[in-house]
Amino acid sequence: MRQTVINGVLITRPTCEDVNSLMVGDLAPDCFGKMARVTSITFRGVDVKGKAFVGYYTEYGENNGAISGSMKEDETVSTIQITQAFKQACLAPVI
């Protein structure tokens, strides 16, 4: 996966290969922007523009918790960190 860190925020953009080869047991980004172990694959497909996508669950916490996630070929994986950074940038006061 192509990953970049900008201002402390991990940005992940999966390739077609990353999306199509994702399997249970692999690491994938969770909604918090961390890489976590995949516990199940819930769906796979291709959109109308031919881009592959996949839905999955990753491990979370100590009591067999799980978090759903999805990723699409050549698109930034949305995380809470990215959303917060975007909000801060948009809401910054103009002087």
PDB file of N, CA and C in Angstrom:
ATOM      1  N   MET A   1       0.827  -1.173   0.000  1.00  0.00           N
ATOM      2  CA  MET A   1       0.000   0.000   0.000  1.00  0.00           C
ATOM      3  C   MET A   1       0.873   1.238   0.000  1.00  0.00           C
ATOM      4  N   ARG A   2       0.441   2.227  -0.727  1.00  0.00           N
ATOM      5  CA  ARG A   2       1.151   3.499  -0.722  1.00  0.00           C
ATOM      6  C   ARG A   2       0.726   4.262   0.530  1.00  0.00           C
ATOM      7  N   GLN A   3       1.704   4.590   1.363  1.00  0.00           N
ATOM      8  CA  GLN A   3       1.417   5.308   2.600  1.00  0.00           C
ATOM      9  C   GLN A   3       2.331   6.513   2.717  1.00  0.00           C
ATOM     10  N   THR A   4       1.762   7.613   3.185  1.00  0.00           N
ATOM     11  CA  THR A   4       2.489   8.843   3.388  1.00  0.00           C
ATOM     12  C   THR A   4       2.077   9.413   4.733  1.00  0.00           C
ATOM     13  N   VAL A   5       3.005  10.023   5.440  1.00  0.00           N
ATOM     14  CA  VAL A   5       2.680  10.709   6.685  1.00  0.00           C
ATOM     15  C   VAL A   5       2.832  12.203   6.440  1.00  0.00           C
ATOM     16  N   ILE A   6       1.729  12.938   6.656  1.00  0.00           N
ATOM     17  CA  ILE A   6       1.735  14.383   6.498  1.00  0.00           C
ATOM     18  C   ILE A   6       1.249  14.991   7.808  1.00  0.00           C
ATOM     19  N   ASN A   7       2.091  15.818   8.425  1.00  0.00           N
ATOM     20  CA  ASN A   7       1.762  16.440   9.717  1.00  0.00           C
ATOM     21  C   ASN A   7       1.317  15.406  10.751  1.00  0.00           C
ATOM     22  N   GLY A   8       1.969  14.257  10.765  1.00  0.00           N
ATOM     23  CA  GLY A   8       1.679  13.224  11.751  1.00  0.00           C
ATOM     24  C   GLY A   8       0.469  12.366  11.438  1.00  0.00           C
ATOM     25  N   VAL A   9      -0.169  12.573  10.285  1.00  0.00           N
ATOM     26  CA  VAL A   9      -1.357  11.810   9.907  1.00  0.00           C
ATOM     27  C   VAL A   9      -0.981  10.811   8.807  1.00  0.00           C
ATOM     28  N   LEU A  10      -1.289   9.517   9.044  1.00  0.00           N
ATOM     29  CA  LEU A  10      -0.999   8.476   8.055  1.00  0.00           C
ATOM     30  C   LEU A  10      -2.072   8.497   6.970  1.00  0.00           C
ATOM     31  N   ILE A  11      -1.638   8.627   5.728  1.00  0.00           N
ATOM     32  CA  ILE A  11      -2.547   8.624   4.592  1.00  0.00           C
ATOM     33  C   ILE A  11      -2.233   7.396   3.749  1.00  0.00           C
ATOM     34  N   THR A  12      -3.258   6.575   3.515  1.00  0.00           N
ATOM     35  CA  THR A  12      -3.098   5.322   2.788  1.00  0.00           C
ATOM     36  C   THR A  12      -3.916   5.364   1.502  1.00  0.00           C
ATOM     37  N   ARG A  13      -3.273   5.008   0.379  1.00  0.00           N
ATOM     38  CA  ARG A  13      -3.961   4.897  -0.914  1.00  0.00           C
ATOM     39  C   ARG A  13      -3.625   3.522  -1.493  1.00  0.00           C
ATOM     40  N   PRO A  14      -4.549   2.573  -1.386  1.00  0.00           N
ATOM     41  CA  PRO A  14      -4.266   1.222  -1.866  1.00  0.00           C
ATOM     42  C   PRO A  14      -4.261   1.121  -3.392  1.00  0.00           C
ATOM     43  N   THR A  15      -3.435   0.227  -3.883  1.00  0.00           N
ATOM     44  CA  THR A  15      -3.402  -0.069  -5.316  1.00  0.00           C
ATOM     45  C   THR A  15      -4.460  -1.138  -5.615  1.00  0.00           C
ATOM     46  N   CYS A  16      -4.678  -1.405  -6.882  1.00  0.00           N
ATOM     47  CA  CYS A  16      -5.610  -2.464  -7.296  1.00  0.00           C
ATOM     48  C   CYS A  16      -5.162  -3.800  -6.707  1.00  0.00           C
ATOM     49  N   GLU A  17      -3.871  -4.048  -6.749  1.00  0.00           N
ATOM     50  CA  GLU A  17      -3.307  -5.285  -6.187  1.00  0.00           C
ATOM     51  C   GLU A  17      -3.612  -5.395  -4.693  1.00  0.00           C
ATOM     52  N   ASP A  18      -3.459  -4.284  -3.950  1.00  0.00           N
ATOM     53  CA  ASP A  18      -3.742  -4.286  -2.511  1.00  0.00           C
ATOM     54  C   ASP A  18      -5.188  -4.670  -2.240  1.00  0.00           C
ATOM     55  N   VAL A  19      -6.104  -4.079  -2.989  1.00  0.00           N
ATOM     56  CA  VAL A  19      -7.532  -4.326  -2.784  1.00  0.00           C
ATOM     57  C   VAL A  19      -7.893  -5.765  -3.140  1.00  0.00           C
ATOM     58  N   ASN A  20      -7.444  -6.214  -4.302  1.00  0.00           N
ATOM     59  CA  ASN A  20      -7.818  -7.554  -4.774  1.00  0.00           C
ATOM     60  C   ASN A  20      -7.169  -8.683  -3.987  1.00  0.00           C
ATOM     61  N   SER A  21      -6.012  -8.415  -3.379  1.00  0.00           N
ATOM     62  CA  SER A  21      -5.307  -9.498  -2.679  1.00  0.00           C
ATOM     63  C   SER A  21      -5.573  -9.517  -1.173  1.00  0.00           C
ATOM     64  N   LEU A  22      -6.366  -8.564  -0.650  1.00  0.00           N
ATOM     65  CA  LEU A  22      -6.617  -8.527   0.792  1.00  0.00           C
ATOM     66  C   LEU A  22      -7.289  -9.809   1.254  1.00  0.00           C
ATOM     67  N   MET A  23      -6.720 -10.426   2.293  1.00  0.00           N
ATOM     68  CA  MET A  23      -7.229 -11.693   2.824  1.00  0.00           C
ATOM     69  C   MET A  23      -7.331 -11.601   4.348  1.00  0.00           C
ATOM     70  N   VAL A  24      -8.118 -12.487   4.928  1.00  0.00           N
ATOM     71  CA  VAL A  24      -8.192 -12.595   6.385  1.00  0.00           C
ATOM     72  C   VAL A  24      -6.781 -12.867   6.909  1.00  0.00           C
ATOM     73  N   GLY A  25      -6.392 -12.150   7.951  1.00  0.00           N
ATOM     74  CA  GLY A  25      -5.061 -12.289   8.531  1.00  0.00           C
ATOM     75  C   GLY A  25      -4.098 -11.202   8.086  1.00  0.00           C
ATOM     76  N   ASP A  26      -4.396 -10.534   6.966  1.00  0.00           N
ATOM     77  CA  ASP A  26      -3.550  -9.434   6.496  1.00  0.00           C
ATOM     78  C   ASP A  26      -3.759  -8.203   7.383  1.00  0.00           C
ATOM     79  N   LEU A  27      -2.886  -7.228   7.236  1.00  0.00           N
ATOM     80  CA  LEU A  27      -3.056  -5.945   7.915  1.00  0.00           C
ATOM     81  C   LEU A  27      -3.725  -4.967   6.959  1.00  0.00           C
ATOM     82  N   ALA A  28      -4.674  -4.187   7.502  1.00  0.00           N
ATOM     83  CA  ALA A  28      -5.371  -3.168   6.718  1.00  0.00           C
ATOM     84  C   ALA A  28      -5.652  -1.980   7.627  1.00  0.00           C
ATOM     85  N   PRO A  29      -5.832  -0.796   7.059  1.00  0.00           N
ATOM     86  CA  PRO A  29      -6.099   0.376   7.894  1.00  0.00           C
ATOM     87  C   PRO A  29      -7.477   0.309   8.547  1.00  0.00           C
ATOM     88  N   ASP A  30      -7.531   0.670   9.845  1.00  0.00           N
ATOM     89  CA  ASP A  30      -8.828   0.772  10.519  1.00  0.00           C
ATOM     90  C   ASP A  30      -9.269   2.231  10.507  1.00  0.00           C
ATOM     91  N   CYS A  31     -10.407   2.528  11.106  1.00  0.00           N
ATOM     92  CA  CYS A  31     -10.930   3.897  11.059  1.00  0.00           C
ATOM     93  C   CYS A  31     -10.090   4.882  11.857  1.00  0.00           C
ATOM     94  N   PHE A  32      -9.193   4.385  12.705  1.00  0.00           N
ATOM     95  CA  PHE A  32      -8.331   5.256  13.494  1.00  0.00           C
ATOM     96  C   PHE A  32      -7.001   5.543  12.793  1.00  0.00           C
ATOM     97  N   GLY A  33      -6.817   4.988  11.592  1.00  0.00           N
ATOM     98  CA  GLY A  33      -5.593   5.230  10.847  1.00  0.00           C
ATOM     99  C   GLY A  33      -4.454   4.305  11.222  1.00  0.00           C
ATOM    100  N   LYS A  34      -4.761   3.249  11.964  1.00  0.00           N
ATOM    101  CA  LYS A  34      -3.735   2.275  12.355  1.00  0.00           C
ATOM    102  C   LYS A  34      -3.917   1.007  11.536  1.00  0.00           C
ATOM    103  N   MET A  35      -2.831   0.297  11.341  1.00  0.00           N
ATOM    104  CA  MET A  35      -2.910  -0.982  10.637  1.00  0.00           C
ATOM    105  C   MET A  35      -3.346  -2.044  11.637  1.00  0.00           C
ATOM    106  N   ALA A  36      -4.379  -2.817  11.290  1.00  0.00           N
ATOM    107  CA  ALA A  36      -4.923  -3.841  12.178  1.00  0.00           C
ATOM    108  C   ALA A  36      -5.172  -5.120  11.387  1.00  0.00           C
ATOM    109  N   ARG A  37      -5.213  -6.241  12.092  1.00  0.00           N
ATOM    110  CA  ARG A  37      -5.408  -7.543  11.462  1.00  0.00           C
ATOM    111  C   ARG A  37      -6.844  -7.709  10.960  1.00  0.00           C
ATOM    112  N   VAL A  38      -7.004  -8.137   9.709  1.00  0.00           N
ATOM    113  CA  VAL A  38      -8.320  -8.372   9.106  1.00  0.00           C
ATOM    114  C   VAL A  38      -8.898  -9.679   9.640  1.00  0.00           C
ATOM    115  N   THR A  39     -10.150  -9.614  10.140  1.00  0.00           N
ATOM    116  CA  THR A  39     -10.799 -10.813  10.683  1.00  0.00           C
ATOM    117  C   THR A  39     -11.817 -11.410   9.720  1.00  0.00           C
ATOM    118  N   SER A  40     -12.372 -10.585   8.836  1.00  0.00           N
ATOM    119  CA  SER A  40     -13.282 -11.119   7.816  1.00  0.00           C
ATOM    120  C   SER A  40     -13.395 -10.138   6.650  1.00  0.00           C
ATOM    121  N   ILE A  41     -13.717 -10.687   5.490  1.00  0.00           N
ATOM    122  CA  ILE A  41     -13.978  -9.895   4.289  1.00  0.00           C
ATOM    123  C   ILE A  41     -15.492  -9.935   4.097  1.00  0.00           C
ATOM    124  N   THR A  42     -16.130  -8.771   3.989  1.00  0.00           N
ATOM    125  CA  THR A  42     -17.591  -8.735   3.895  1.00  0.00           C
ATOM    126  C   THR A  42     -18.107  -8.544   2.474  1.00  0.00           C
ATOM    127  N   PHE A  43     -17.354  -7.865   1.635  1.00  0.00           N
ATOM    128  CA  PHE A  43     -17.762  -7.716   0.243  1.00  0.00           C
ATOM    129  C   PHE A  43     -16.568  -7.332  -0.613  1.00  0.00           C
ATOM    130  N   ARG A  44     -16.696  -7.597  -1.908  1.00  0.00           N
ATOM    131  CA  ARG A  44     -15.705  -7.199  -2.912  1.00  0.00           C
ATOM    132  C   ARG A  44     -16.478  -6.817  -4.155  1.00  0.00           C
ATOM    133  N   GLY A  45     -15.918  -5.938  -4.941  1.00  0.00           N
ATOM    134  CA  GLY A  45     -16.586  -5.574  -6.176  1.00  0.00           C
ATOM    135  C   GLY A  45     -15.747  -4.631  -7.010  1.00  0.00           C
ATOM    136  N   VAL A  46     -16.382  -4.168  -8.072  1.00  0.00           N
ATOM    137  CA  VAL A  46     -15.771  -3.206  -8.979  1.00  0.00           C
ATOM    138  C   VAL A  46     -16.827  -2.145  -9.263  1.00  0.00           C
ATOM    139  N   ASP A  47     -16.456  -0.870  -9.161  1.00  0.00           N
ATOM    140  CA  ASP A  47     -17.435   0.189  -9.394  1.00  0.00           C
ATOM    141  C   ASP A  47     -17.627   0.433 -10.890  1.00  0.00           C
ATOM    142  N   VAL A  48     -18.493   1.385 -11.228  1.00  0.00           N
ATOM    143  CA  VAL A  48     -18.810   1.645 -12.635  1.00  0.00           C
ATOM    144  C   VAL A  48     -17.626   2.184 -13.430  1.00  0.00           C
ATOM    145  N   LYS A  49     -16.601   2.677 -12.738  1.00  0.00           N
ATOM    146  CA  LYS A  49     -15.398   3.164 -13.418  1.00  0.00           C
ATOM    147  C   LYS A  49     -14.299   2.107 -13.471  1.00  0.00           C
ATOM    148  N   GLY A  50     -14.618   0.887 -12.989  1.00  0.00           N
ATOM    149  CA  GLY A  50     -13.653  -0.203 -13.041  1.00  0.00           C
ATOM    150  C   GLY A  50     -12.692  -0.270 -11.873  1.00  0.00           C
ATOM    151  N   LYS A  51     -12.930   0.513 -10.810  1.00  0.00           N
ATOM    152  CA  LYS A  51     -12.053   0.488  -9.640  1.00  0.00           C
ATOM    153  C   LYS A  51     -12.513  -0.582  -8.659  1.00  0.00           C
ATOM    154  N   ALA A  52     -11.554  -1.389  -8.198  1.00  0.00           N
ATOM    155  CA  ALA A  52     -11.849  -2.462  -7.246  1.00  0.00           C
ATOM    156  C   ALA A  52     -12.063  -1.883  -5.848  1.00  0.00           C
ATOM    157  N   PHE A  53     -12.979  -2.503  -5.084  1.00  0.00           N
ATOM    158  CA  PHE A  53     -13.186  -2.114  -3.694  1.00  0.00           C
ATOM    159  C   PHE A  53     -13.421  -3.351  -2.847  1.00  0.00           C
ATOM    160  N   VAL A  54     -13.208  -3.211  -1.537  1.00  0.00           N
ATOM    161  CA  VAL A  54     -13.371  -4.337  -0.613  1.00  0.00           C
ATOM    162  C   VAL A  54     -13.832  -3.801   0.741  1.00  0.00           C
ATOM    163  N   GLY A  55     -14.692  -4.560   1.392  1.00  0.00           N
ATOM    164  CA  GLY A  55     -15.120  -4.248   2.756  1.00  0.00           C
ATOM    165  C   GLY A  55     -14.592  -5.327   3.685  1.00  0.00           C
ATOM    166  N   TYR A  56     -14.266  -4.954   4.914  1.00  0.00           N
ATOM    167  CA  TYR A  56     -13.643  -5.905   5.832  1.00  0.00           C
ATOM    168  C   TYR A  56     -13.879  -5.487   7.276  1.00  0.00           C
ATOM    169  N   TYR A  57     -13.570  -6.388   8.189  1.00  0.00           N
ATOM    170  CA  TYR A  57     -13.533  -6.093   9.624  1.00  0.00           C
ATOM    171  C   TYR A  57     -12.105  -6.301  10.107  1.00  0.00           C
ATOM    172  N   THR A  58     -11.678  -5.444  11.045  1.00  0.00           N
ATOM    173  CA  THR A  58     -10.371  -5.609  11.668  1.00  0.00           C
ATOM    174  C   THR A  58     -10.541  -5.805  13.166  1.00  0.00           C
ATOM    175  N   GLU A  59      -9.519  -6.401  13.783  1.00  0.00           N
ATOM    176  CA  GLU A  59      -9.525  -6.605  15.238  1.00  0.00           C
ATOM    177  C   GLU A  59      -9.564  -5.257  15.947  1.00  0.00           C
ATOM    178  N   TYR A  60     -10.255  -5.251  17.111  1.00  0.00           N
ATOM    179  CA  TYR A  60     -10.267  -4.048  17.929  1.00  0.00           C
ATOM    180  C   TYR A  60     -10.468  -4.434  19.390  1.00  0.00           C
ATOM    181  N   GLY A  61      -9.617  -3.931  20.238  1.00  0.00           N
ATOM    182  CA  GLY A  61      -9.769  -4.161  21.676  1.00  0.00           C
ATOM    183  C   GLY A  61      -9.368  -5.560  22.103  1.00  0.00           C
ATOM    184  N   GLU A  62      -9.721  -5.864  23.341  1.00  0.00           N
ATOM    185  CA  GLU A  62      -9.294  -7.130  23.952  1.00  0.00           C
ATOM    186  C   GLU A  62     -10.387  -8.191  23.991  1.00  0.00           C
ATOM    187  N   ASN A  63     -11.632  -7.839  23.728  1.00  0.00           N
ATOM    188  CA  ASN A  63     -12.742  -8.795  23.866  1.00  0.00           C
ATOM    189  C   ASN A  63     -13.335  -9.193  22.523  1.00  0.00           C
ATOM    190  N   ASN A  64     -12.475  -9.520  21.578  1.00  0.00           N
ATOM    191  CA  ASN A  64     -12.901  -9.927  20.239  1.00  0.00           C
ATOM    192  C   ASN A  64     -13.733  -8.863  19.542  1.00  0.00           C
ATOM    193  N   GLY A  65     -13.446  -7.611  19.826  1.00  0.00           N
ATOM    194  CA  GLY A  65     -14.137  -6.523  19.142  1.00  0.00           C
ATOM    195  C   GLY A  65     -13.697  -6.441  17.695  1.00  0.00           C
ATOM    196  N   ALA A  66     -14.487  -5.754  16.894  1.00  0.00           N
ATOM    197  CA  ALA A  66     -14.158  -5.598  15.482  1.00  0.00           C
ATOM    198  C   ALA A  66     -14.633  -4.233  14.991  1.00  0.00           C
ATOM    199  N   ILE A  67     -13.926  -3.708  14.009  1.00  0.00           N
ATOM    200  CA  ILE A  67     -14.277  -2.441  13.381  1.00  0.00           C
ATOM    201  C   ILE A  67     -14.376  -2.681  11.880  1.00  0.00           C
ATOM    202  N   SER A  68     -15.462  -2.192  11.280  1.00  0.00           N
ATOM    203  CA  SER A  68     -15.600  -2.354   9.835  1.00  0.00           C
ATOM    204  C   SER A  68     -14.766  -1.301   9.114  1.00  0.00           C
ATOM    205  N   GLY A  69     -14.350  -1.643   7.924  1.00  0.00           N
ATOM    206  CA  GLY A  69     -13.576  -0.737   7.107  1.00  0.00           C
ATOM    207  C   GLY A  69     -13.776  -1.080   5.643  1.00  0.00           C
ATOM    208  N   SER A  70     -13.377  -0.183   4.797  1.00  0.00           N
ATOM    209  CA  SER A  70     -13.421  -0.459   3.363  1.00  0.00           C
ATOM    210  C   SER A  70     -12.319   0.339   2.691  1.00  0.00           C
ATOM    211  N   MET A  71     -11.939  -0.123   1.540  1.00  0.00           N
ATOM    212  CA  MET A  71     -10.960   0.624   0.755  1.00  0.00           C
ATOM    213  C   MET A  71     -11.229   0.394  -0.713  1.00  0.00           C
ATOM    214  N   LYS A  72     -10.823   1.406  -1.490  1.00  0.00           N
ATOM    215  CA  LYS A  72     -11.049   1.392  -2.917  1.00  0.00           C
ATOM    216  C   LYS A  72      -9.736   1.741  -3.618  1.00  0.00           C
ATOM    217  N   GLU A  73      -9.524   1.097  -4.711  1.00  0.00           N
ATOM    218  CA  GLU A  73      -8.313   1.297  -5.516  1.00  0.00           C
ATOM    219  C   GLU A  73      -8.062   2.783  -5.798  1.00  0.00           C
ATOM    220  N   ASP A  74      -6.842   3.228  -5.506  1.00  0.00           N
ATOM    221  CA  ASP A  74      -6.373   4.593  -5.800  1.00  0.00           C
ATOM    222  C   ASP A  74      -7.170   5.701  -5.112  1.00  0.00           C
ATOM    223  N   GLU A  75      -7.851   5.389  -4.011  1.00  0.00           N
ATOM    224  CA  GLU A  75      -8.551   6.416  -3.241  1.00  0.00           C
ATOM    225  C   GLU A  75      -8.049   6.396  -1.806  1.00  0.00           C
ATOM    226  N   THR A  76      -7.946   7.576  -1.198  1.00  0.00           N
ATOM    227  CA  THR A  76      -7.478   7.690   0.174  1.00  0.00           C
ATOM    228  C   THR A  76      -8.455   6.983   1.112  1.00  0.00           C
ATOM    229  N   VAL A  77      -7.915   6.158   2.005  1.00  0.00           N
ATOM    230  CA  VAL A  77      -8.740   5.477   3.002  1.00  0.00           C
ATOM    231  C   VAL A  77      -9.103   6.506   4.067  1.00  0.00           C
ATOM    232  N   SER A  78     -10.399   6.695   4.269  1.00  0.00           N
ATOM    233  CA  SER A  78     -10.879   7.689   5.232  1.00  0.00           C
ATOM    234  C   SER A  78     -10.637   7.211   6.662  1.00  0.00           C
ATOM    235  N   THR A  79     -10.077   8.090   7.482  1.00  0.00           N
ATOM    236  CA  THR A  79      -9.853   7.779   8.894  1.00  0.00           C
ATOM    237  C   THR A  79     -10.260   8.977   9.736  1.00  0.00           C
ATOM    238  N   ILE A  80     -10.427   8.762  11.008  1.00  0.00           N
ATOM    239  CA  ILE A  80     -10.769   9.843  11.930  1.00  0.00           C
ATOM    240  C   ILE A  80      -9.676  10.907  11.913  1.00  0.00           C
ATOM    241  N   GLN A  81      -8.412  10.496  11.857  1.00  0.00           N
ATOM    242  CA  GLN A  81      -7.294  11.447  11.840  1.00  0.00           C
ATOM    243  C   GLN A  81      -7.365  12.373  10.625  1.00  0.00           C
ATOM    244  N   ILE A  82      -7.661  11.815   9.462  1.00  0.00           N
ATOM    245  CA  ILE A  82      -7.744  12.626   8.243  1.00  0.00           C
ATOM    246  C   ILE A  82      -8.906  13.609   8.352  1.00  0.00           C
ATOM    247  N   THR A  83     -10.042  13.140   8.834  1.00  0.00           N
ATOM    248  CA  THR A  83     -11.214  14.003   8.987  1.00  0.00           C
ATOM    249  C   THR A  83     -10.933  15.154   9.945  1.00  0.00           C
ATOM    250  N   GLN A  84     -10.288  14.854  11.076  1.00  0.00           N
ATOM    251  CA  GLN A  84      -9.966  15.901  12.045  1.00  0.00           C
ATOM    252  C   GLN A  84      -8.982  16.909  11.463  1.00  0.00           C
ATOM    253  N   ALA A  85      -7.965  16.438  10.746  1.00  0.00           N
ATOM    254  CA  ALA A  85      -6.980  17.346  10.141  1.00  0.00           C
ATOM    255  C   ALA A  85      -7.655  18.245   9.116  1.00  0.00           C
ATOM    256  N   PHE A  86      -8.569  17.690   8.339  1.00  0.00           N
ATOM    257  CA  PHE A  86      -9.283  18.467   7.326  1.00  0.00           C
ATOM    258  C   PHE A  86     -10.159  19.524   7.987  1.00  0.00           C
ATOM    259  N   LYS A  87     -10.880  19.148   9.041  1.00  0.00           N
ATOM    260  CA  LYS A  87     -11.733  20.106   9.747  1.00  0.00           C
ATOM    261  C   LYS A  87     -10.902  21.245  10.325  1.00  0.00           C
ATOM    262  N   GLN A  88      -9.752  20.907  10.926  1.00  0.00           N
ATOM    263  CA  GLN A  88      -8.901  21.946  11.515  1.00  0.00           C
ATOM    264  C   GLN A  88      -8.400  22.901  10.445  1.00  0.00           C
ATOM    265  N   ALA A  89      -8.038  22.380   9.294  1.00  0.00           N
ATOM    266  CA  ALA A  89      -7.538  23.223   8.207  1.00  0.00           C
ATOM    267  C   ALA A  89      -8.657  24.129   7.670  1.00  0.00           C
ATOM    268  N   CYS A  90      -9.872  23.588   7.571  1.00  0.00           N
ATOM    269  CA  CYS A  90     -10.996  24.365   7.034  1.00  0.00           C
ATOM    270  C   CYS A  90     -11.517  25.390   8.035  1.00  0.00           C
ATOM    271  N   LEU A  91     -11.391  25.108   9.308  1.00  0.00           N
ATOM    272  CA  LEU A  91     -11.933  25.983  10.341  1.00  0.00           C
ATOM    273  C   LEU A  91     -10.907  26.961  10.912  1.00  0.00           C
ATOM    274  N   ALA A  92      -9.694  26.936  10.367  1.00  0.00           N
ATOM    275  CA  ALA A  92      -8.646  27.826  10.865  1.00  0.00           C
ATOM    276  C   ALA A  92      -9.062  29.278  10.634  1.00  0.00           C
ATOM    277  N   PRO A  93      -8.877  30.126  11.631  1.00  0.00           N
ATOM    278  CA  PRO A  93      -9.288  31.525  11.451  1.00  0.00           C
ATOM    279  C   PRO A  93      -8.447  32.248  10.404  1.00  0.00           C
ATOM    280  N   VAL A  94      -9.073  33.107   9.681  1.00  0.00           N
ATOM    281  CA  VAL A  94      -8.383  33.913   8.683  1.00  0.00           C
ATOM    282  C   VAL A  94      -8.059  35.250   9.316  1.00  0.00           C
ATOM    283  N   ILE A  95      -6.805  35.642   9.248  1.00  0.00           N
ATOM    284  CA  ILE A  95      -6.387  36.901   9.881  1.00  0.00           C
ATOM    285  C   ILE A  95      -6.066  37.927   8.822  1.00  0.00           C
TER     286      ILE A  95
END
